[in-house]
PDB file of N, CA and C in Angstrom:
ATOM      1  N   MET A   1     -36.946 -15.892   6.328  1.00  0.00           N
ATOM      2  CA  MET A   1     -36.514 -15.193   5.114  1.00  0.00           C
ATOM      3  C   MET A   1     -36.239 -13.767   5.298  1.00  0.00           C
ATOM      4  N   ILE A   2     -37.081 -13.000   6.014  1.00  0.00           N
ATOM      5  CA  ILE A   2     -36.802 -11.683   6.341  1.00  0.00           C
ATOM      6  C   ILE A   2     -35.457 -11.565   7.181  1.00  0.00           C
ATOM      7  N   LYS A   3     -35.389 -12.472   8.150  1.00  0.00           N
ATOM      8  CA  LYS A   3     -34.148 -12.475   8.954  1.00  0.00           C
ATOM      9  C   LYS A   3     -32.869 -12.602   8.205  1.00  0.00           C
ATOM     10  N   LYS A   4     -32.911 -13.524   7.190  1.00  0.00           N
ATOM     11  CA  LYS A   4     -31.764 -13.681   6.308  1.00  0.00           C
ATOM     12  C   LYS A   4     -31.449 -12.309   5.478  1.00  0.00           C
ATOM     13  N   LEU A   5     -32.511 -11.767   5.002  1.00  0.00           N
ATOM     14  CA  LEU A   5     -32.348 -10.570   4.266  1.00  0.00           C
ATOM     15  C   LEU A   5     -31.718  -9.407   5.098  1.00  0.00           C
ATOM     16  N   LEU A   6     -32.248  -9.325   6.352  1.00  0.00           N
ATOM     17  CA  LEU A   6     -31.671  -8.253   7.223  1.00  0.00           C
ATOM     18  C   LEU A   6     -30.156  -8.539   7.512  1.00  0.00           C
ATOM     19  N   VAL A   7     -29.919  -9.798   7.772  1.00  0.00           N
ATOM     20  CA  VAL A   7     -28.480 -10.117   8.009  1.00  0.00           C
ATOM     21  C   VAL A   7     -27.579  -9.796   6.793  1.00  0.00           C
ATOM     22  N   MET A   8     -28.077 -10.094   5.654  1.00  0.00           N
ATOM     23  CA  MET A   8     -27.312  -9.772   4.394  1.00  0.00           C
ATOM     24  C   MET A   8     -27.168  -8.285   4.211  1.00  0.00           C
ATOM     25  N   VAL A   9     -28.218  -7.608   4.420  1.00  0.00           N
ATOM     26  CA  VAL A   9     -28.098  -6.108   4.328  1.00  0.00           C
ATOM     27  C   VAL A   9     -27.182  -5.544   5.285  1.00  0.00           C
ATOM     28  N   GLY A  10     -27.267  -6.004   6.494  1.00  0.00           N
ATOM     29  CA  GLY A  10     -26.269  -5.561   7.561  1.00  0.00           C
ATOM     30  C   GLY A  10     -24.860  -5.928   7.230  1.00  0.00           C
ATOM     31  N   ALA A  11     -24.598  -7.021   6.639  1.00  0.00           N
ATOM     32  CA  ALA A  11     -23.196  -7.427   6.331  1.00  0.00           C
ATOM     33  C   ALA A  11     -22.719  -6.546   5.133  1.00  0.00           C
ATOM     34  N   LEU A  12     -23.613  -6.352   4.154  1.00  0.00           N
ATOM     35  CA  LEU A  12     -23.163  -5.530   2.969  1.00  0.00           C
ATOM     36  C   LEU A  12     -22.920  -4.065   3.409  1.00  0.00           C
ATOM     37  N   SER A  13     -23.692  -3.593   4.378  1.00  0.00           N
ATOM     38  CA  SER A  13     -23.377  -2.241   4.804  1.00  0.00           C
ATOM     39  C   SER A  13     -22.138  -2.062   5.518  1.00  0.00           C
ATOM     40  N   LEU A  14     -21.690  -3.175   6.255  1.00  0.00           N
ATOM     41  CA  LEU A  14     -20.429  -3.112   6.996  1.00  0.00           C
ATOM     42  C   LEU A  14     -19.294  -3.083   5.950  1.00  0.00           C
ATOM     43  N   PHE A  15     -19.389  -3.845   4.887  1.00  0.00           N
ATOM     44  CA  PHE A  15     -18.336  -3.868   3.867  1.00  0.00           C
ATOM     45  C   PHE A  15     -18.227  -2.482   3.119  1.00  0.00           C
ATOM     46  N   GLY A  16     -19.286  -1.759   3.038  1.00  0.00           N
ATOM     47  CA  GLY A  16     -19.305  -0.485   2.311  1.00  0.00           C
ATOM     48  C   GLY A  16     -18.792   0.613   3.245  1.00  0.00           C
ATOM     49  N   CYS A  17     -18.689   0.469   4.522  1.00  0.00           N
ATOM     50  CA  CYS A  17     -18.277   1.497   5.439  1.00  0.00           C
ATOM     51  C   CYS A  17     -16.961   1.235   5.952  1.00  0.00           C
ATOM     52  N   GLY A  18     -15.932   1.469   5.194  1.00  0.00           N
ATOM     53  CA  GLY A  18     -14.614   1.257   5.566  1.00  0.00           C
ATOM     54  C   GLY A  18     -14.047   2.426   6.448  1.00  0.00           C
ATOM     55  N   ASP A  19     -13.034   2.255   7.196  1.00  0.00           N
ATOM     56  CA  ASP A  19     -12.439   3.334   7.972  1.00  0.00           C
ATOM     57  C   ASP A  19     -11.855   4.336   6.955  1.00  0.00           C
ATOM     58  N   ALA A  20     -12.288   5.606   7.147  1.00  0.00           N
ATOM     59  CA  ALA A  20     -11.847   6.655   6.277  1.00  0.00           C
ATOM     60  C   ALA A  20     -10.341   6.794   6.237  1.00  0.00           C
ATOM     61  N   ASN A  21      -9.694   6.492   7.273  1.00  0.00           N
ATOM     62  CA  ASN A  21      -8.250   6.702   7.411  1.00  0.00           C
ATOM     63  C   ASN A  21      -7.491   5.638   6.519  1.00  0.00           C
ATOM     64  N   THR A  22      -8.096   4.554   6.268  1.00  0.00           N
ATOM     65  CA  THR A  22      -7.491   3.508   5.490  1.00  0.00           C
ATOM     66  C   THR A  22      -8.187   3.056   4.167  1.00  0.00           C
ATOM     67  N   GLN A  23      -9.224   3.822   3.868  1.00  0.00           N
ATOM     68  CA  GLN A  23     -10.050   3.487   2.687  1.00  0.00           C
ATOM     69  C   GLN A  23      -9.200   3.742   1.402  1.00  0.00           C
ATOM     70  N   TRP A  24      -8.188   4.521   1.415  1.00  0.00           N
ATOM     71  CA  TRP A  24      -7.289   4.785   0.305  1.00  0.00           C
ATOM     72  C   TRP A  24      -6.560   3.555  -0.056  1.00  0.00           C
ATOM     73  N   LEU A  25      -6.365   2.675   0.912  1.00  0.00           N
ATOM     74  CA  LEU A  25      -5.644   1.428   0.599  1.00  0.00           C
ATOM     75  C   LEU A  25      -6.412   0.503  -0.316  1.00  0.00           C
ATOM     76  N   SER A  26      -7.706   0.639  -0.238  1.00  0.00           N
ATOM     77  CA  SER A  26      -8.558  -0.318  -1.096  1.00  0.00           C
ATOM     78  C   SER A  26      -8.396   0.020  -2.607  1.00  0.00           C
ATOM     79  N   LYS A  27      -7.744   1.173  -2.992  1.00  0.00           N
ATOM     80  CA  LYS A  27      -7.637   1.536  -4.345  1.00  0.00           C
ATOM     81  C   LYS A  27      -6.309   0.865  -4.852  1.00  0.00           C
ATOM     82  N   GLY A  28      -5.498   0.335  -4.003  1.00  0.00           N
ATOM     83  CA  GLY A  28      -4.229  -0.261  -4.448  1.00  0.00           C
ATOM     84  C   GLY A  28      -4.350  -1.726  -4.525  1.00  0.00           C
ATOM     85  N   TYR A  29      -3.274  -2.375  -5.004  1.00  0.00           N
ATOM     86  CA  TYR A  29      -3.247  -3.891  -5.177  1.00  0.00           C
ATOM     87  C   TYR A  29      -2.391  -4.480  -4.042  1.00  0.00           C
ATOM     88  N   SER A  30      -2.919  -5.322  -3.310  1.00  0.00           N
ATOM     89  CA  SER A  30      -2.257  -6.012  -2.213  1.00  0.00           C
ATOM     90  C   SER A  30      -1.162  -6.925  -2.631  1.00  0.00           C
ATOM     91  N   VAL A  31      -1.190  -7.382  -3.788  1.00  0.00           N
ATOM     92  CA  VAL A  31      -0.175  -8.309  -4.482  1.00  0.00           C
ATOM     93  C   VAL A  31       0.888  -7.483  -5.198  1.00  0.00           C
ATOM     94  N   GLY A  32       0.801  -6.084  -5.185  1.00  0.00           N
ATOM     95  CA  GLY A  32       1.787  -5.342  -5.903  1.00  0.00           C
ATOM     96  C   GLY A  32       1.544  -5.152  -7.375  1.00  0.00           C
ATOM     97  N   LEU A  33       2.371  -4.468  -7.984  1.00  0.00           N
ATOM     98  CA  LEU A  33       2.308  -4.204  -9.468  1.00  0.00           C
ATOM     99  C   LEU A  33       3.652  -4.385 -10.071  1.00  0.00           C
ATOM    100  N   ASP A  34       3.727  -4.845 -11.310  1.00  0.00           N
ATOM    101  CA  ASP A  34       4.954  -4.880 -12.071  1.00  0.00           C
ATOM    102  C   ASP A  34       5.247  -3.535 -12.638  1.00  0.00           C
ATOM    103  N   ARG A  35       6.348  -3.346 -13.271  1.00  0.00           N
ATOM    104  CA  ARG A  35       6.679  -2.036 -13.894  1.00  0.00           C
ATOM    105  C   ARG A  35       5.601  -1.463 -14.768  1.00  0.00           C
ATOM    106  N   ALA A  36       5.135  -2.260 -15.657  1.00  0.00           N
ATOM    107  CA  ALA A  36       4.111  -1.767 -16.603  1.00  0.00           C
ATOM    108  C   ALA A  36       2.913  -1.288 -15.848  1.00  0.00           C
ATOM    109  N   GLY A  37       2.411  -2.161 -14.906  1.00  0.00           N
ATOM    110  CA  GLY A  37       1.279  -1.840 -14.095  1.00  0.00           C
ATOM    111  C   GLY A  37       1.461  -0.632 -13.300  1.00  0.00           C
ATOM    112  N   TRP A  38       2.653  -0.454 -12.648  1.00  0.00           N
ATOM    113  CA  TRP A  38       2.885   0.691 -11.861  1.00  0.00           C
ATOM    114  C   TRP A  38       2.861   2.019 -12.709  1.00  0.00           C
ATOM    115  N   MET A  39       3.553   1.931 -13.939  1.00  0.00           N
ATOM    116  CA  MET A  39       3.662   3.128 -14.734  1.00  0.00           C
ATOM    117  C   MET A  39       2.371   3.500 -15.318  1.00  0.00           C
ATOM    118  N   SER A  40       1.381   2.592 -15.522  1.00  0.00           N
ATOM    119  CA  SER A  40       0.104   2.903 -16.099  1.00  0.00           C
ATOM    120  C   SER A  40      -0.985   3.203 -15.026  1.00  0.00           C
ATOM    121  N   ALA A  41      -0.650   2.961 -13.739  1.00  0.00           N
ATOM    122  CA  ALA A  41      -1.577   3.113 -12.676  1.00  0.00           C
ATOM    123  C   ALA A  41      -1.764   4.616 -12.350  1.00  0.00           C
ATOM    124  N   ASP A  42      -2.960   5.033 -11.909  1.00  0.00           N
ATOM    125  CA  ASP A  42      -3.109   6.372 -11.418  1.00  0.00           C
ATOM    126  C   ASP A  42      -2.503   6.586 -10.087  1.00  0.00           C
ATOM    127  N   ALA A  43      -2.551   7.755  -9.556  1.00  0.00           N
ATOM    128  CA  ALA A  43      -1.836   8.082  -8.338  1.00  0.00           C
ATOM    129  C   ALA A  43      -2.586   7.389  -7.178  1.00  0.00           C
ATOM    130  N   ASP A  44      -3.822   7.279  -7.168  1.00  0.00           N
ATOM    131  CA  ASP A  44      -4.539   6.579  -6.044  1.00  0.00           C
ATOM    132  C   ASP A  44      -4.227   5.157  -5.966  1.00  0.00           C
ATOM    133  N   THR A  45      -4.093   4.499  -7.185  1.00  0.00           N
ATOM    134  CA  THR A  45      -3.743   3.088  -7.262  1.00  0.00           C
ATOM    135  C   THR A  45      -2.265   2.981  -6.727  1.00  0.00           C
ATOM    136  N   GLN A  46      -1.410   3.778  -7.238  1.00  0.00           N
ATOM    137  CA  GLN A  46      -0.012   3.708  -6.689  1.00  0.00           C
ATOM    138  C   GLN A  46       0.117   3.853  -5.303  1.00  0.00           C
ATOM    139  N   LEU A  47      -0.618   4.818  -4.653  1.00  0.00           N
ATOM    140  CA  LEU A  47      -0.564   5.155  -3.284  1.00  0.00           C
ATOM    141  C   LEU A  47      -1.060   3.940  -2.522  1.00  0.00           C
ATOM    142  N   GLY A  48      -2.258   3.385  -2.837  1.00  0.00           N
ATOM    143  CA  GLY A  48      -2.763   2.236  -2.154  1.00  0.00           C
ATOM    144  C   GLY A  48      -1.884   0.986  -2.249  1.00  0.00           C
ATOM    145  N   THR A  49      -1.151   0.817  -3.410  1.00  0.00           N
ATOM    146  CA  THR A  49      -0.235  -0.292  -3.603  1.00  0.00           C
ATOM    147  C   THR A  49       0.982  -0.084  -2.732  1.00  0.00           C
ATOM    148  N   ALA A  50       1.485   1.119  -2.704  1.00  0.00           N
ATOM    149  CA  ALA A  50       2.634   1.446  -1.808  1.00  0.00           C
ATOM    150  C   ALA A  50       2.335   1.153  -0.360  1.00  0.00           C
ATOM    151  N   GLY A  51       1.094   1.489   0.013  1.00  0.00           N
ATOM    152  CA  GLY A  51       0.653   1.207   1.368  1.00  0.00           C
ATOM    153  C   GLY A  51       0.608  -0.296   1.734  1.00  0.00           C
ATOM    154  N   HIS A  52       0.198  -1.085   0.793  1.00  0.00           N
ATOM    155  CA  HIS A  52       0.117  -2.528   0.916  1.00  0.00           C
ATOM    156  C   HIS A  52       1.502  -3.089   0.940  1.00  0.00           C
ATOM    157  N   TRP A  53       2.426  -2.543   0.104  1.00  0.00           N
ATOM    158  CA  TRP A  53       3.779  -3.007   0.146  1.00  0.00           C
ATOM    159  C   TRP A  53       4.391  -2.789   1.496  1.00  0.00           C
ATOM    160  N   LEU A  54       4.219  -1.554   2.133  1.00  0.00           N
ATOM    161  CA  LEU A  54       4.830  -1.277   3.404  1.00  0.00           C
ATOM    162  C   LEU A  54       4.168  -2.225   4.475  1.00  0.00           C
ATOM    163  N   LYS A  55       2.918  -2.456   4.436  1.00  0.00           N
ATOM    164  CA  LYS A  55       2.325  -3.367   5.443  1.00  0.00           C
ATOM    165  C   LYS A  55       2.769  -4.791   5.326  1.00  0.00           C
ATOM    166  N   SER A  56       3.030  -5.197   4.017  1.00  0.00           N
ATOM    167  CA  SER A  56       3.601  -6.579   3.825  1.00  0.00           C
ATOM    168  C   SER A  56       5.024  -6.662   4.338  1.00  0.00           C
ATOM    169  N   LEU A  57       5.829  -5.605   4.039  1.00  0.00           N
ATOM    170  CA  LEU A  57       7.261  -5.568   4.545  1.00  0.00           C
ATOM    171  C   LEU A  57       7.290  -5.583   6.059  1.00  0.00           C
ATOM    172  N   GLN A  58       6.338  -4.856   6.628  1.00  0.00           N
ATOM    173  CA  GLN A  58       6.293  -4.781   8.141  1.00  0.00           C
ATOM    174  C   GLN A  58       5.869  -6.230   8.732  1.00  0.00           C
ATOM    175  N   LYS A  59       4.939  -6.856   8.027  1.00  0.00           N
ATOM    176  CA  LYS A  59       4.491  -8.072   8.484  1.00  0.00           C
ATOM    177  C   LYS A  59       5.602  -9.186   8.429  1.00  0.00           C
ATOM    178  N   ASN A  60       6.412  -9.052   7.399  1.00  0.00           N
ATOM    179  CA  ASN A  60       7.481  -9.991   7.204  1.00  0.00           C
ATOM    180  C   ASN A  60       8.844  -9.633   7.896  1.00  0.00           C
ATOM    181  N   GLY A  61       8.803  -8.491   8.712  1.00  0.00           N
ATOM    182  CA  GLY A  61       9.997  -8.195   9.509  1.00  0.00           C
ATOM    183  C   GLY A  61      11.042  -7.430   8.826  1.00  0.00           C
ATOM    184  N   PHE A  62      10.772  -6.790   7.681  1.00  0.00           N
ATOM    185  CA  PHE A  62      11.829  -6.072   6.909  1.00  0.00           C
ATOM    186  C   PHE A  62      11.936  -4.569   7.307  1.00  0.00           C
ATOM    187  N   LEU A  63      10.899  -4.029   8.109  1.00  0.00           N
ATOM    188  CA  LEU A  63      11.023  -2.645   8.416  1.00  0.00           C
ATOM    189  C   LEU A  63      11.534  -2.429   9.908  1.00  0.00           C
ATOM    190  N   ASN A  64      12.270  -1.411  10.129  1.00  0.00           N
ATOM    191  CA  ASN A  64      12.959  -1.224  11.352  1.00  0.00           C
ATOM    192  C   ASN A  64      12.119  -0.615  12.581  1.00  0.00           C
ATOM    193  N   ASP A  65      10.902  -0.157  12.156  1.00  0.00           N
ATOM    194  CA  ASP A  65      10.003   0.555  13.208  1.00  0.00           C
ATOM    195  C   ASP A  65       8.620   0.271  12.877  1.00  0.00           C
ATOM    196  N   GLU A  66       7.806  -0.156  13.858  1.00  0.00           N
ATOM    197  CA  GLU A  66       6.437  -0.443  13.679  1.00  0.00           C
ATOM    198  C   GLU A  66       5.639   0.841  13.309  1.00  0.00           C
ATOM    199  N   SER A  67       6.095   1.956  13.731  1.00  0.00           N
ATOM    200  CA  SER A  67       5.394   3.207  13.505  1.00  0.00           C
ATOM    201  C   SER A  67       5.358   3.572  12.081  1.00  0.00           C
ATOM    202  N   ILE A  68       6.183   3.002  11.247  1.00  0.00           N
ATOM    203  CA  ILE A  68       6.161   3.249   9.735  1.00  0.00           C
ATOM    204  C   ILE A  68       4.824   2.901   9.198  1.00  0.00           C
ATOM    205  N   THR A  69       4.160   1.842   9.687  1.00  0.00           N
ATOM    206  CA  THR A  69       2.815   1.420   9.170  1.00  0.00           C
ATOM    207  C   THR A  69       1.776   1.653  10.154  1.00  0.00           C
ATOM    208  N   SER A  70       1.989   2.543  11.190  1.00  0.00           N
ATOM    209  CA  SER A  70       0.856   2.927  12.103  1.00  0.00           C
ATOM    210  C   SER A  70      -0.173   3.716  11.354  1.00  0.00           C
ATOM    211  N   GLU A  71      -1.306   3.675  11.968  1.00  0.00           N
ATOM    212  CA  GLU A  71      -2.480   4.367  11.319  1.00  0.00           C
ATOM    213  C   GLU A  71      -2.193   5.791  11.030  1.00  0.00           C
ATOM    214  N   GLN A  72      -1.378   6.461  11.929  1.00  0.00           N
ATOM    215  CA  GLN A  72      -1.070   7.835  11.789  1.00  0.00           C
ATOM    216  C   GLN A  72      -0.019   8.071  10.730  1.00  0.00           C
ATOM    217  N   SER A  73       0.833   7.158  10.431  1.00  0.00           N
ATOM    218  CA  SER A  73       2.032   7.373   9.524  1.00  0.00           C
ATOM    219  C   SER A  73       1.937   6.696   8.177  1.00  0.00           C
ATOM    220  N   LEU A  74       1.081   5.696   8.079  1.00  0.00           N
ATOM    221  CA  LEU A  74       1.082   4.779   6.885  1.00  0.00           C
ATOM    222  C   LEU A  74       0.923   5.553   5.600  1.00  0.00           C
ATOM    223  N   LYS A  75      -0.116   6.437   5.560  1.00  0.00           N
ATOM    224  CA  LYS A  75      -0.366   7.117   4.278  1.00  0.00           C
ATOM    225  C   LYS A  75       0.699   8.110   3.941  1.00  0.00           C
ATOM    226  N   GLU A  76       1.369   8.731   4.884  1.00  0.00           N
ATOM    227  CA  GLU A  76       2.499   9.641   4.601  1.00  0.00           C
ATOM    228  C   GLU A  76       3.690   8.855   4.201  1.00  0.00           C
ATOM    229  N   ASN A  77       3.963   7.708   4.727  1.00  0.00           N
ATOM    230  CA  ASN A  77       5.084   6.956   4.300  1.00  0.00           C
ATOM    231  C   ASN A  77       4.818   6.264   2.928  1.00  0.00           C
ATOM    232  N   ALA A  78       3.585   5.874   2.727  1.00  0.00           N
ATOM    233  CA  ALA A  78       3.227   5.251   1.386  1.00  0.00           C
ATOM    234  C   ALA A  78       3.473   6.322   0.281  1.00  0.00           C
ATOM    235  N   THR A  79       3.183   7.565   0.659  1.00  0.00           N
ATOM    236  CA  THR A  79       3.365   8.614  -0.279  1.00  0.00           C
ATOM    237  C   THR A  79       4.859   8.863  -0.633  1.00  0.00           C
ATOM    238  N   LEU A  80       5.688   8.828   0.433  1.00  0.00           N
ATOM    239  CA  LEU A  80       7.112   8.838   0.322  1.00  0.00           C
ATOM    240  C   LEU A  80       7.599   7.693  -0.618  1.00  0.00           C
ATOM    241  N   LEU A  81       7.111   6.484  -0.425  1.00  0.00           N
ATOM    242  CA  LEU A  81       7.494   5.333  -1.192  1.00  0.00           C
ATOM    243  C   LEU A  81       7.101   5.505  -2.681  1.00  0.00           C
ATOM    244  N   MET A  82       5.905   5.942  -2.815  1.00  0.00           N
ATOM    245  CA  MET A  82       5.370   6.186  -4.156  1.00  0.00           C
ATOM    246  C   MET A  82       6.256   7.172  -4.950  1.00  0.00           C
ATOM    247  N   GLU A  83       6.506   8.278  -4.256  1.00  0.00           N
ATOM    248  CA  GLU A  83       7.318   9.346  -4.872  1.00  0.00           C
ATOM    249  C   GLU A  83       8.730   8.836  -5.173  1.00  0.00           C
ATOM    250  N   CYS A  84       9.314   8.059  -4.323  1.00  0.00           N
ATOM    251  CA  CYS A  84      10.589   7.482  -4.532  1.00  0.00           C
ATOM    252  C   CYS A  84      10.567   6.561  -5.795  1.00  0.00           C
ATOM    253  N   LEU A  85       9.568   5.697  -5.834  1.00  0.00           N
ATOM    254  CA  LEU A  85       9.447   4.834  -7.040  1.00  0.00           C
ATOM    255  C   LEU A  85       9.272   5.530  -8.323  1.00  0.00           C
ATOM    256  N   ASN A  86       8.376   6.550  -8.270  1.00  0.00           N
ATOM    257  CA  ASN A  86       8.188   7.351  -9.487  1.00  0.00           C
ATOM    258  C   ASN A  86       9.410   8.130  -9.897  1.00  0.00           C
ATOM    259  N   ALA A  87      10.272   8.508  -8.977  1.00  0.00           N
ATOM    260  CA  ALA A  87      11.507   9.215  -9.247  1.00  0.00           C
ATOM    261  C   ALA A  87      12.494   8.252  -9.836  1.00  0.00           C
ATOM    262  N   ALA A  88      12.564   7.041  -9.381  1.00  0.00           N
ATOM    263  CA  ALA A  88      13.553   5.999  -9.810  1.00  0.00           C
ATOM    264  C   ALA A  88      13.275   5.299 -11.035  1.00  0.00           C
ATOM    265  N   MET A  89      11.961   5.157 -11.353  1.00  0.00           N
ATOM    266  CA  MET A  89      11.599   4.384 -12.555  1.00  0.00           C
ATOM    267  C   MET A  89      12.242   4.834 -13.887  1.00  0.00           C
ATOM    268  N   PRO A  90      12.325   6.152 -14.194  1.00  0.00           N
ATOM    269  CA  PRO A  90      12.876   6.524 -15.427  1.00  0.00           C
ATOM    270  C   PRO A  90      14.412   6.219 -15.556  1.00  0.00           C
ATOM    271  N   PHE A  91      15.008   6.050 -14.407  1.00  0.00           N
ATOM    272  CA  PHE A  91      16.531   5.852 -14.427  1.00  0.00           C
ATOM    273  C   PHE A  91      16.944   4.455 -14.181  1.00  0.00           C
ATOM    274  N   SER A  92      15.983   3.544 -13.990  1.00  0.00           N
ATOM    275  CA  SER A  92      16.354   2.128 -13.698  1.00  0.00           C
ATOM    276  C   SER A  92      15.473   1.231 -14.476  1.00  0.00           C
ATOM    277  N   ASP A  93      16.007   0.128 -14.835  1.00  0.00           N
ATOM    278  CA  ASP A  93      15.217  -0.909 -15.465  1.00  0.00           C
ATOM    279  C   ASP A  93      14.851  -2.038 -14.519  1.00  0.00           C
ATOM    280  N   GLN A  94      15.178  -1.883 -13.268  1.00  0.00           N
ATOM    281  CA  GLN A  94      14.865  -2.950 -12.329  1.00  0.00           C
ATOM    282  C   GLN A  94      13.249  -3.119 -12.153  1.00  0.00           C
ATOM    283  N   GLU A  95      13.000  -4.402 -11.769  1.00  0.00           N
ATOM    284  CA  GLU A  95      11.464  -4.647 -11.444  1.00  0.00           C
ATOM    285  C   GLU A  95      11.100  -3.887 -10.134  1.00  0.00           C
ATOM    286  N   THR A  96       9.847  -3.697 -10.024  1.00  0.00           N
ATOM    287  CA  THR A  96       9.364  -2.857  -8.868  1.00  0.00           C
ATOM    288  C   THR A  96       9.769  -3.390  -7.468  1.00  0.00           C
ATOM    289  N   ASN A  97       9.876  -4.774  -7.301  1.00  0.00           N
ATOM    290  CA  ASN A  97      10.125  -5.299  -6.048  1.00  0.00           C
ATOM    291  C   ASN A  97      11.569  -4.824  -5.667  1.00  0.00           C
ATOM    292  N   TYR A  98      12.553  -4.818  -6.560  1.00  0.00           N
ATOM    293  CA  TYR A  98      13.885  -4.336  -6.283  1.00  0.00           C
ATOM    294  C   TYR A  98      13.951  -2.826  -6.030  1.00  0.00           C
ATOM    295  N   LEU A  99      13.079  -2.092  -6.772  1.00  0.00           N
ATOM    296  CA  LEU A  99      13.004  -0.565  -6.520  1.00  0.00           C
ATOM    297  C   LEU A  99      12.328  -0.344  -5.192  1.00  0.00           C
ATOM    298  N   VAL A 100      11.373  -1.072  -4.819  1.00  0.00           N
ATOM    299  CA  VAL A 100      10.721  -0.926  -3.509  1.00  0.00           C
ATOM    300  C   VAL A 100      11.834  -1.149  -2.391  1.00  0.00           C
ATOM    301  N   ALA A 101      12.509  -2.205  -2.540  1.00  0.00           N
ATOM    302  CA  ALA A 101      13.638  -2.460  -1.579  1.00  0.00           C
ATOM    303  C   ALA A 101      14.655  -1.287  -1.426  1.00  0.00           C
ATOM    304  N   ASP A 102      15.018  -0.802  -2.653  1.00  0.00           N
ATOM    305  CA  ASP A 102      15.928   0.381  -2.688  1.00  0.00           C
ATOM    306  C   ASP A 102      15.389   1.593  -2.077  1.00  0.00           C
ATOM    307  N   CYS A 103      14.053   1.819  -2.294  1.00  0.00           N
ATOM    308  CA  CYS A 103      13.389   2.979  -1.693  1.00  0.00           C
ATOM    309  C   CYS A 103      13.233   2.854  -0.112  1.00  0.00           C
ATOM    310  N   VAL A 104      12.944   1.727   0.282  1.00  0.00           N
ATOM    311  CA  VAL A 104      12.941   1.391   1.697  1.00  0.00           C
ATOM    312  C   VAL A 104      14.258   1.722   2.366  1.00  0.00           C
ATOM    313  N   LYS A 105      15.320   1.289   1.657  1.00  0.00           N
ATOM    314  CA  LYS A 105      16.664   1.627   2.223  1.00  0.00           C
ATOM    315  C   LYS A 105      16.970   3.131   2.162  1.00  0.00           C
ATOM    316  N   VAL A 106      16.595   3.810   1.152  1.00  0.00           N
ATOM    317  CA  VAL A 106      16.835   5.241   0.948  1.00  0.00           C
ATOM    318  C   VAL A 106      16.164   5.985   2.102  1.00  0.00           C
ATOM    319  N   ASN A 107      14.961   5.521   2.413  1.00  0.00           N
ATOM    320  CA  ASN A 107      14.090   6.197   3.417  1.00  0.00           C
ATOM    321  C   ASN A 107      14.554   5.828   4.849  1.00  0.00           C
ATOM    322  N   GLY A 108      15.502   4.926   4.967  1.00  0.00           N
ATOM    323  CA  GLY A 108      15.922   4.547   6.268  1.00  0.00           C
ATOM    324  C   GLY A 108      15.109   3.650   7.030  1.00  0.00           C
ATOM    325  N   TRP A 109      14.150   2.876   6.335  1.00  0.00           N
ATOM    326  CA  TRP A 109      13.229   2.066   6.965  1.00  0.00           C
ATOM    327  C   TRP A 109      13.685   0.611   7.094  1.00  0.00           C
ATOM    328  N   PHE A 110      14.771   0.265   6.383  1.00  0.00           N
ATOM    329  CA  PHE A 110      15.169  -1.117   6.397  1.00  0.00           C
ATOM    330  C   PHE A 110      15.696  -1.741   7.639  1.00  0.00           C
ATOM    331  N   LYS A 111      15.346  -2.831   7.993  1.00  0.00           N
ATOM    332  CA  LYS A 111      15.849  -3.441   9.206  1.00  0.00           C
ATOM    333  C   LYS A 111      17.051  -4.272   8.883  1.00  0.00           C
ATOM    334  N   GLY A 112      18.157  -3.856   9.134  1.00  0.00           N
ATOM    335  CA  GLY A 112      19.274  -4.602   8.804  1.00  0.00           C
ATOM    336  C   GLY A 112      20.513  -4.047   9.113  1.00  0.00           C
TER     337      GLY A 112
END
């Protein structure tokens, strides 16, 4: 019984201690956000979601450089994506997935 408790406490402490460099990602949505969700989200949620979008695009082969999502560059690039989306939203009625694609192209990250 004590052994099980110690294992559970150890496992829980591991989940609570994320990498400080990527902890900001946990505030975003890995499945993305629609327009209404994006517009109502706070900056931390938008940033984390933008990071997840970049990682997903990289995983699916849509980005032209692996360094875009490297540990050193991901947060900076997610910030650029977030800023691009926030700048585009008032001038476009497209859904977020189309705007993300446009912003990836504008930033020169698209593999194509």
